[in-house]
PDB file of N, CA and C in Angstrom:
ATOM      1  N   MET A   1      18.888  51.847  23.986  1.00  0.00           N
ATOM      2  CA  MET A   1      19.428  52.959  24.665  1.00  0.00           C
ATOM      3  C   MET A   1      18.632  53.164  26.015  1.00  0.00           C
ATOM      4  N   ALA A   2      17.522  52.455  26.209  1.00  0.00           N
ATOM      5  CA  ALA A   2      16.741  52.621  27.439  1.00  0.00           C
ATOM      6  C   ALA A   2      17.540  52.207  28.646  1.00  0.00           C
ATOM      7  N   THR A   3      18.513  51.300  28.527  1.00  0.00           N
ATOM      8  CA  THR A   3      19.238  50.796  29.668  1.00  0.00           C
ATOM      9  C   THR A   3      20.178  51.942  30.097  1.00  0.00           C
ATOM     10  N   ILE A   4      20.788  52.718  29.239  1.00  0.00           N
ATOM     11  CA  ILE A   4      21.617  53.765  29.587  1.00  0.00           C
ATOM     12  C   ILE A   4      20.786  54.921  30.340  1.00  0.00           C
ATOM     13  N   ARG A   5      19.574  55.123  29.859  1.00  0.00           N
ATOM     14  CA  ARG A   5      18.728  56.084  30.434  1.00  0.00           C
ATOM     15  C   ARG A   5      18.311  55.579  31.931  1.00  0.00           C
ATOM     16  N   ASP A   6      18.027  54.352  32.046  1.00  0.00           N
ATOM     17  CA  ASP A   6      17.695  53.704  33.316  1.00  0.00           C
ATOM     18  C   ASP A   6      18.859  53.748  34.326  1.00  0.00           C
ATOM     19  N   LEU A   7      20.081  53.506  33.757  1.00  0.00           N
ATOM     20  CA  LEU A   7      21.253  53.545  34.566  1.00  0.00           C
ATOM     21  C   LEU A   7      21.501  54.913  35.136  1.00  0.00           C
ATOM     22  N   LYS A   8      21.291  55.963  34.292  1.00  0.00           N
ATOM     23  CA  LYS A   8      21.499  57.339  34.762  1.00  0.00           C
ATOM     24  C   LYS A   8      20.447  57.675  35.767  1.00  0.00           C
ATOM     25  N   LYS A   9      19.246  57.226  35.685  1.00  0.00           N
ATOM     26  CA  LYS A   9      18.142  57.501  36.664  1.00  0.00           C
ATOM     27  C   LYS A   9      18.494  56.738  37.917  1.00  0.00           C
ATOM     28  N   ASP A  10      18.945  55.543  37.859  1.00  0.00           N
ATOM     29  CA  ASP A  10      19.316  54.796  39.050  1.00  0.00           C
ATOM     30  C   ASP A  10      20.489  55.469  39.856  1.00  0.00           C
ATOM     31  N   ILE A  11      21.480  55.986  39.086  1.00  0.00           N
ATOM     32  CA  ILE A  11      22.548  56.729  39.737  1.00  0.00           C
ATOM     33  C   ILE A  11      22.019  57.941  40.440  1.00  0.00           C
ATOM     34  N   ASN A  12      21.139  58.759  39.783  1.00  0.00           N
ATOM     35  CA  ASN A  12      20.612  59.862  40.347  1.00  0.00           C
ATOM     36  C   ASN A  12      19.695  59.558  41.540  1.00  0.00           C
ATOM     37  N   SER A  13      18.952  58.559  41.399  1.00  0.00           N
ATOM     38  CA  SER A  13      18.023  58.224  42.487  1.00  0.00           C
ATOM     39  C   SER A  13      18.726  57.677  43.702  1.00  0.00           C
ATOM     40  N   VAL A  14      19.687  56.760  43.541  1.00  0.00           N
ATOM     41  CA  VAL A  14      20.378  56.201  44.655  1.00  0.00           C
ATOM     42  C   VAL A  14      21.189  57.173  45.376  1.00  0.00           C
ATOM     43  N   LEU A  15      21.981  58.027  44.698  1.00  0.00           N
ATOM     44  CA  LEU A  15      22.783  58.954  45.327  1.00  0.00           C
ATOM     45  C   LEU A  15      22.007  60.100  45.919  1.00  0.00           C
ATOM     46  N   GLY A  16      20.905  60.442  45.211  1.00  0.00           N
ATOM     47  CA  GLY A  16      20.031  61.525  45.761  1.00  0.00           C
ATOM     48  C   GLY A  16      19.348  61.079  47.036  1.00  0.00           C
ATOM     49  N   GLY A  17      19.047  59.737  47.050  1.00  0.00           N
ATOM     50  CA  GLY A  17      18.424  59.210  48.295  1.00  0.00           C
ATOM     51  C   GLY A  17      19.455  59.205  49.498  1.00  0.00           C
ATOM     52  N   ILE A  18      20.660  58.919  49.141  1.00  0.00           N
ATOM     53  CA  ILE A  18      21.732  58.939  50.213  1.00  0.00           C
ATOM     54  C   ILE A  18      21.896  60.358  50.783  1.00  0.00           C
ATOM     55  N   ILE A  19      21.905  61.372  49.870  1.00  0.00           N
ATOM     56  CA  ILE A  19      22.032  62.713  50.379  1.00  0.00           C
ATOM     57  C   ILE A  19      20.878  63.119  51.226  1.00  0.00           C
ATOM     58  N   GLU A  20      19.612  62.771  50.683  1.00  0.00           N
ATOM     59  CA  GLU A  20      18.378  62.988  51.549  1.00  0.00           C
ATOM     60  C   GLU A  20      18.492  62.327  52.935  1.00  0.00           C
ATOM     61  N   ALA A  21      18.991  61.059  52.967  1.00  0.00           N
ATOM     62  CA  ALA A  21      19.149  60.410  54.188  1.00  0.00           C
ATOM     63  C   ALA A  21      20.131  61.071  55.192  1.00  0.00           C
ATOM     64  N   VAL A  22      21.083  61.662  54.670  1.00  0.00           N
ATOM     65  CA  VAL A  22      22.040  62.475  55.449  1.00  0.00           C
ATOM     66  C   VAL A  22      21.264  63.579  56.133  1.00  0.00           C
ATOM     67  N   TYR A  23      20.491  64.344  55.330  1.00  0.00           N
ATOM     68  CA  TYR A  23      19.833  65.470  55.958  1.00  0.00           C
ATOM     69  C   TYR A  23      18.777  64.988  57.038  1.00  0.00           C
ATOM     70  N   ILE A  24      18.132  63.876  56.754  1.00  0.00           N
ATOM     71  CA  ILE A  24      17.215  63.328  57.722  1.00  0.00           C
ATOM     72  C   ILE A  24      17.922  62.875  58.968  1.00  0.00           C
ATOM     73  N   ALA A  25      19.046  62.173  58.904  1.00  0.00           N
ATOM     74  CA  ALA A  25      19.783  61.734  60.026  1.00  0.00           C
ATOM     75  C   ALA A  25      20.303  62.914  60.811  1.00  0.00           C
ATOM     76  N   GLU A  26      20.768  63.917  60.140  1.00  0.00           N
ATOM     77  CA  GLU A  26      21.344  65.146  60.800  1.00  0.00           C
ATOM     78  C   GLU A  26      20.180  65.882  61.576  1.00  0.00           C
ATOM     79  N   ARG A  27      19.039  66.027  60.990  1.00  0.00           N
ATOM     80  CA  ARG A  27      17.910  66.752  61.642  1.00  0.00           C
ATOM     81  C   ARG A  27      17.409  65.874  62.779  1.00  0.00           C
ATOM     82  N   SER A  28      17.365  64.587  62.678  1.00  0.00           N
ATOM     83  CA  SER A  28      16.821  63.744  63.768  1.00  0.00           C
ATOM     84  C   SER A  28      17.716  63.741  64.986  1.00  0.00           C
ATOM     85  N   SER A  29      19.010  63.971  64.769  1.00  0.00           N
ATOM     86  CA  SER A  29      19.958  63.935  65.915  1.00  0.00           C
ATOM     87  C   SER A  29      20.493  65.390  66.240  1.00  0.00           C
ATOM     88  N   ASN A  30      19.837  66.352  65.711  1.00  0.00           N
ATOM     89  CA  ASN A  30      20.161  67.752  65.998  1.00  0.00           C
ATOM     90  C   ASN A  30      21.566  68.072  65.687  1.00  0.00           C
ATOM     91  N   LYS A  31      22.147  67.551  64.655  1.00  0.00           N
ATOM     92  CA  LYS A  31      23.540  67.780  64.147  1.00  0.00           C
ATOM     93  C   LYS A  31      23.538  68.349  62.787  1.00  0.00           C
ATOM     94  N   GLU A  32      22.595  69.258  62.467  1.00  0.00           N
ATOM     95  CA  GLU A  32      22.516  69.827  61.121  1.00  0.00           C
ATOM     96  C   GLU A  32      23.698  70.452  60.729  1.00  0.00           C
ATOM     97  N   GLY A  33      24.208  70.229  59.499  1.00  0.00           N
ATOM     98  CA  GLY A  33      25.428  70.743  58.942  1.00  0.00           C
ATOM     99  C   GLY A  33      26.705  70.225  59.530  1.00  0.00           C
ATOM    100  N   SER A  34      26.695  68.969  60.029  1.00  0.00           N
ATOM    101  CA  SER A  34      27.837  68.415  60.614  1.00  0.00           C
ATOM    102  C   SER A  34      28.952  68.119  59.604  1.00  0.00           C
ATOM    103  N   LYS A  35      30.143  68.053  60.039  1.00  0.00           N
ATOM    104  CA  LYS A  35      31.320  67.815  59.127  1.00  0.00           C
ATOM    105  C   LYS A  35      31.233  66.440  58.509  1.00  0.00           C
ATOM    106  N   GLU A  36      30.729  65.396  59.323  1.00  0.00           N
ATOM    107  CA  GLU A  36      30.647  64.084  58.800  1.00  0.00           C
ATOM    108  C   GLU A  36      29.585  64.020  57.713  1.00  0.00           C
ATOM    109  N   GLY A  37      28.454  64.708  57.931  1.00  0.00           N
ATOM    110  CA  GLY A  37      27.401  64.741  56.893  1.00  0.00           C
ATOM    111  C   GLY A  37      27.873  65.445  55.637  1.00  0.00           C
ATOM    112  N   SER A  38      28.590  66.534  55.816  1.00  0.00           N
ATOM    113  CA  SER A  38      29.080  67.203  54.630  1.00  0.00           C
ATOM    114  C   SER A  38      30.048  66.396  53.884  1.00  0.00           C
ATOM    115  N   GLU A  39      30.880  65.496  54.589  1.00  0.00           N
ATOM    116  CA  GLU A  39      31.848  64.748  53.839  1.00  0.00           C
ATOM    117  C   GLU A  39      31.035  63.664  53.049  1.00  0.00           C
ATOM    118  N   ILE A  40      30.042  63.137  53.599  1.00  0.00           N
ATOM    119  CA  ILE A  40      29.114  61.977  52.974  1.00  0.00           C
ATOM    120  C   ILE A  40      28.499  62.661  51.679  1.00  0.00           C
ATOM    121  N   ILE A  41      27.982  63.894  51.837  1.00  0.00           N
ATOM    122  CA  ILE A  41      27.302  64.513  50.637  1.00  0.00           C
ATOM    123  C   ILE A  41      28.386  64.844  49.605  1.00  0.00           C
ATOM    124  N   ASP A  42      29.563  65.292  50.001  1.00  0.00           N
ATOM    125  CA  ASP A  42      30.566  65.593  49.053  1.00  0.00           C
ATOM    126  C   ASP A  42      31.001  64.319  48.279  1.00  0.00           C
ATOM    127  N   LYS A  43      31.101  63.234  48.912  1.00  0.00           N
ATOM    128  CA  LYS A  43      31.470  61.993  48.382  1.00  0.00           C
ATOM    129  C   LYS A  43      30.415  61.421  47.358  1.00  0.00           C
ATOM    130  N   ALA A  44      29.113  61.608  47.779  1.00  0.00           N
ATOM    131  CA  ALA A  44      28.008  61.219  46.943  1.00  0.00           C
ATOM    132  C   ALA A  44      28.044  62.043  45.583  1.00  0.00           C
ATOM    133  N   ILE A  45      28.307  63.319  45.808  1.00  0.00           N
ATOM    134  CA  ILE A  45      28.300  64.193  44.576  1.00  0.00           C
ATOM    135  C   ILE A  45      29.413  63.851  43.614  1.00  0.00           C
ATOM    136  N   ALA A  46      30.616  63.553  44.257  1.00  0.00           N
ATOM    137  CA  ALA A  46      31.854  63.194  43.477  1.00  0.00           C
ATOM    138  C   ALA A  46      31.569  61.872  42.806  1.00  0.00           C
ATOM    139  N   THR A  47      30.921  60.901  43.479  1.00  0.00           N
ATOM    140  CA  THR A  47      30.597  59.620  42.949  1.00  0.00           C
ATOM    141  C   THR A  47      29.613  59.820  41.715  1.00  0.00           C
ATOM    142  N   PHE A  48      28.565  60.636  41.924  1.00  0.00           N
ATOM    143  CA  PHE A  48      27.631  60.944  40.884  1.00  0.00           C
ATOM    144  C   PHE A  48      28.331  61.427  39.666  1.00  0.00           C
ATOM    145  N   ASP A  49      29.225  62.431  39.840  1.00  0.00           N
ATOM    146  CA  ASP A  49      29.883  63.022  38.623  1.00  0.00           C
ATOM    147  C   ASP A  49      30.833  61.914  37.921  1.00  0.00           C
ATOM    148  N   SER A  50      31.506  61.135  38.706  1.00  0.00           N
ATOM    149  CA  SER A  50      32.440  60.222  38.036  1.00  0.00           C
ATOM    150  C   SER A  50      31.633  59.044  37.353  1.00  0.00           C
ATOM    151  N   LEU A  51      30.526  58.603  37.989  1.00  0.00           N
ATOM    152  CA  LEU A  51      29.679  57.602  37.313  1.00  0.00           C
ATOM    153  C   LEU A  51      28.974  58.043  36.045  1.00  0.00           C
ATOM    154  N   ILE A  52      28.455  59.268  36.182  1.00  0.00           N
ATOM    155  CA  ILE A  52      27.841  59.851  34.838  1.00  0.00           C
ATOM    156  C   ILE A  52      28.927  59.976  33.810  1.00  0.00           C
ATOM    157  N   ALA A  53      30.135  60.400  34.175  1.00  0.00           N
ATOM    158  CA  ALA A  53      31.226  60.536  33.124  1.00  0.00           C
ATOM    159  C   ALA A  53      31.479  59.133  32.552  1.00  0.00           C
ATOM    160  N   GLU A  54      31.439  58.179  33.408  1.00  0.00           N
ATOM    161  CA  GLU A  54      31.743  56.777  32.807  1.00  0.00           C
ATOM    162  C   GLU A  54      30.607  56.265  31.943  1.00  0.00           C
ATOM    163  N   VAL A  55      29.359  56.625  32.338  1.00  0.00           N
ATOM    164  CA  VAL A  55      28.277  56.189  31.511  1.00  0.00           C
ATOM    165  C   VAL A  55      28.366  56.915  30.095  1.00  0.00           C
ATOM    166  N   ASN A  56      28.770  58.193  30.123  1.00  0.00           N
ATOM    167  CA  ASN A  56      28.873  58.911  28.980  1.00  0.00           C
ATOM    168  C   ASN A  56      30.122  58.587  28.052  1.00  0.00           C
ATOM    169  N   ASN A  57      31.035  57.868  28.624  1.00  0.00           N
ATOM    170  CA  ASN A  57      32.284  57.535  27.882  1.00  0.00           C
ATOM    171  C   ASN A  57      31.937  56.433  26.815  1.00  0.00           C
ATOM    172  N   LYS A  58      32.059  56.813  25.588  1.00  0.00           N
ATOM    173  CA  LYS A  58      31.680  55.910  24.486  1.00  0.00           C
ATOM    174  C   LYS A  58      32.913  55.247  23.922  1.00  0.00           C
ATOM    175  N   ASP A  59      34.153  55.648  24.338  1.00  0.00           N
ATOM    176  CA  ASP A  59      35.369  55.093  23.796  1.00  0.00           C
ATOM    177  C   ASP A  59      35.746  53.755  24.483  1.00  0.00           C
ATOM    178  N   VAL A  60      34.940  52.859  24.705  1.00  0.00           N
ATOM    179  CA  VAL A  60      35.180  51.618  25.206  1.00  0.00           C
ATOM    180  C   VAL A  60      34.996  50.518  24.281  1.00  0.00           C
ATOM    181  N   GLU A  61      35.642  49.424  24.495  1.00  0.00           N
ATOM    182  CA  GLU A  61      35.553  48.324  23.489  1.00  0.00           C
ATOM    183  C   GLU A  61      34.266  47.539  23.670  1.00  0.00           C
ATOM    184  N   ASN A  62      33.840  47.170  24.856  1.00  0.00           N
ATOM    185  CA  ASN A  62      32.617  46.428  25.098  1.00  0.00           C
ATOM    186  C   ASN A  62      31.709  47.277  25.896  1.00  0.00           C
ATOM    187  N   ARG A  63      30.850  47.985  25.293  1.00  0.00           N
ATOM    188  CA  ARG A  63      29.966  49.016  26.020  1.00  0.00           C
ATOM    189  C   ARG A  63      29.079  48.325  26.998  1.00  0.00           C
ATOM    190  N   LYS A  64      28.605  47.130  26.761  1.00  0.00           N
ATOM    191  CA  LYS A  64      27.639  46.449  27.638  1.00  0.00           C
ATOM    192  C   LYS A  64      28.369  46.071  28.875  1.00  0.00           C
ATOM    193  N   LYS A  65      29.536  45.551  28.774  1.00  0.00           N
ATOM    194  CA  LYS A  65      30.370  45.068  29.888  1.00  0.00           C
ATOM    195  C   LYS A  65      30.837  46.336  30.738  1.00  0.00           C
ATOM    196  N   HIS A  66      31.104  47.438  30.045  1.00  0.00           N
ATOM    197  CA  HIS A  66      31.457  48.654  30.751  1.00  0.00           C
ATOM    198  C   HIS A  66      30.244  49.234  31.531  1.00  0.00           C
ATOM    199  N   LEU A  67      29.115  49.184  31.078  1.00  0.00           N
ATOM    200  CA  LEU A  67      27.959  49.710  31.803  1.00  0.00           C
ATOM    201  C   LEU A  67      27.637  48.797  32.907  1.00  0.00           C
ATOM    202  N   LYS A  68      27.813  47.513  32.769  1.00  0.00           N
ATOM    203  CA  LYS A  68      27.615  46.608  33.901  1.00  0.00           C
ATOM    204  C   LYS A  68      28.605  46.882  34.974  1.00  0.00           C
ATOM    205  N   GLY A  69      29.835  47.242  34.625  1.00  0.00           N
ATOM    206  CA  GLY A  69      30.879  47.562  35.677  1.00  0.00           C
ATOM    207  C   GLY A  69      30.448  48.880  36.368  1.00  0.00           C
ATOM    208  N   VAL A  70      29.950  49.874  35.609  1.00  0.00           N
ATOM    209  CA  VAL A  70      29.431  51.124  36.219  1.00  0.00           C
ATOM    210  C   VAL A  70      28.354  50.843  37.276  1.00  0.00           C
ATOM    211  N   ARG A  71      27.445  49.914  36.899  1.00  0.00           N
ATOM    212  CA  ARG A  71      26.364  49.592  37.870  1.00  0.00           C
ATOM    213  C   ARG A  71      26.886  48.905  39.075  1.00  0.00           C
ATOM    214  N   GLN A  72      27.883  48.057  38.906  1.00  0.00           N
ATOM    215  CA  GLN A  72      28.575  47.433  40.141  1.00  0.00           C
ATOM    216  C   GLN A  72      29.235  48.444  40.961  1.00  0.00           C
ATOM    217  N   THR A  73      29.896  49.394  40.345  1.00  0.00           N
ATOM    218  CA  THR A  73      30.578  50.407  41.095  1.00  0.00           C
ATOM    219  C   THR A  73      29.518  51.250  41.849  1.00  0.00           C
ATOM    220  N   LEU A  74      28.432  51.572  41.259  1.00  0.00           N
ATOM    221  CA  LEU A  74      27.352  52.302  41.964  1.00  0.00           C
ATOM    222  C   LEU A  74      26.881  51.548  43.193  1.00  0.00           C
ATOM    223  N   GLU A  75      26.694  50.169  43.015  1.00  0.00           N
ATOM    224  CA  GLU A  75      26.218  49.404  44.229  1.00  0.00           C
ATOM    225  C   GLU A  75      27.231  49.364  45.285  1.00  0.00           C
ATOM    226  N   LYS A  76      28.533  49.322  44.936  1.00  0.00           N
ATOM    227  CA  LYS A  76      29.578  49.211  45.974  1.00  0.00           C
ATOM    228  C   LYS A  76      29.735  50.558  46.696  1.00  0.00           C
ATOM    229  N   GLU A  77      29.748  51.673  45.879  1.00  0.00           N
ATOM    230  CA  GLU A  77      29.930  52.963  46.512  1.00  0.00           C
ATOM    231  C   GLU A  77      28.660  53.330  47.293  1.00  0.00           C
ATOM    232  N   ALA A  78      27.440  53.005  46.840  1.00  0.00           N
ATOM    233  CA  ALA A  78      26.290  53.310  47.598  1.00  0.00           C
ATOM    234  C   ALA A  78      26.244  52.490  48.984  1.00  0.00           C
ATOM    235  N   ALA A  79      26.653  51.316  48.886  1.00  0.00           N
ATOM    236  CA  ALA A  79      26.750  50.558  50.164  1.00  0.00           C
ATOM    237  C   ALA A  79      27.664  51.175  51.210  1.00  0.00           C
ATOM    238  N   GLU A  80      28.807  51.725  50.640  1.00  0.00           N
ATOM    239  CA  GLU A  80      29.742  52.389  51.589  1.00  0.00           C
ATOM    240  C   GLU A  80      29.178  53.621  52.214  1.00  0.00           C
ATOM    241  N   LEU A  81      28.488  54.392  51.288  1.00  0.00           N
ATOM    242  CA  LEU A  81      27.871  55.659  51.779  1.00  0.00           C
ATOM    243  C   LEU A  81      26.801  55.376  52.758  1.00  0.00           C
ATOM    244  N   VAL A  82      25.941  54.375  52.489  1.00  0.00           N
ATOM    245  CA  VAL A  82      24.905  53.989  53.387  1.00  0.00           C
ATOM    246  C   VAL A  82      25.449  53.567  54.786  1.00  0.00           C
ATOM    247  N   ASP A  83      26.430  52.874  54.796  1.00  0.00           N
ATOM    248  CA  ASP A  83      27.134  52.565  56.059  1.00  0.00           C
ATOM    249  C   ASP A  83      27.626  53.745  56.791  1.00  0.00           C
ATOM    250  N   ARG A  84      28.100  54.696  56.103  1.00  0.00           N
ATOM    251  CA  ARG A  84      28.528  55.988  56.764  1.00  0.00           C
ATOM    252  C   ARG A  84      27.370  56.770  57.272  1.00  0.00           C
ATOM    253  N   VAL A  85      26.251  56.718  56.507  1.00  0.00           N
ATOM    254  CA  VAL A  85      25.067  57.511  56.991  1.00  0.00           C
ATOM    255  C   VAL A  85      24.507  56.782  58.201  1.00  0.00           C
ATOM    256  N   ASN A  86      24.482  55.484  58.245  1.00  0.00           N
ATOM    257  CA  ASN A  86      24.063  54.735  59.466  1.00  0.00           C
ATOM    258  C   ASN A  86      24.926  55.047  60.689  1.00  0.00           C
ATOM    259  N   GLU A  87      26.204  55.299  60.523  1.00  0.00           N
ATOM    260  CA  GLU A  87      27.037  55.612  61.615  1.00  0.00           C
ATOM    261  C   GLU A  87      26.718  57.104  62.091  1.00  0.00           C
ATOM    262  N   LEU A  88      26.233  57.949  61.191  1.00  0.00           N
ATOM    263  CA  LEU A  88      25.951  59.245  61.480  1.00  0.00           C
ATOM    264  C   LEU A  88      24.684  59.403  62.412  1.00  0.00           C
ATOM    265  N   ALA A  89      23.757  58.501  62.173  1.00  0.00           N
ATOM    266  CA  ALA A  89      22.477  58.600  62.985  1.00  0.00           C
ATOM    267  C   ALA A  89      22.699  58.079  64.344  1.00  0.00           C
TER     268      ALA A  89
END
C-alpha cells in the first residue's frame, strides 16, 4: 500500500507546486489575481480532485495497471499546466 500513499503524495506535491508557481509568476509580473492564473489554479484543483477519486476507486479489474494510468495522467496534466504557467510569466 505504500505505492498508493506515495502516489497521493506525488499528486498533492506536483499540483500544489503548480499552484505555488502561479502565485509566484503573478507576483513577479504584478498581475496578482489574474483571470489566467485563476483558471490554472481551478484546473489544478479539479485535476487533483479527479486523480484522488481515481486512486480511491477500488472497483477496477487490474489495480496496478489502473494506478499506473493515474500516474501517467498526472504527468500529462502537470505538463500542460506547467506550460500554461510558463505563458503566464
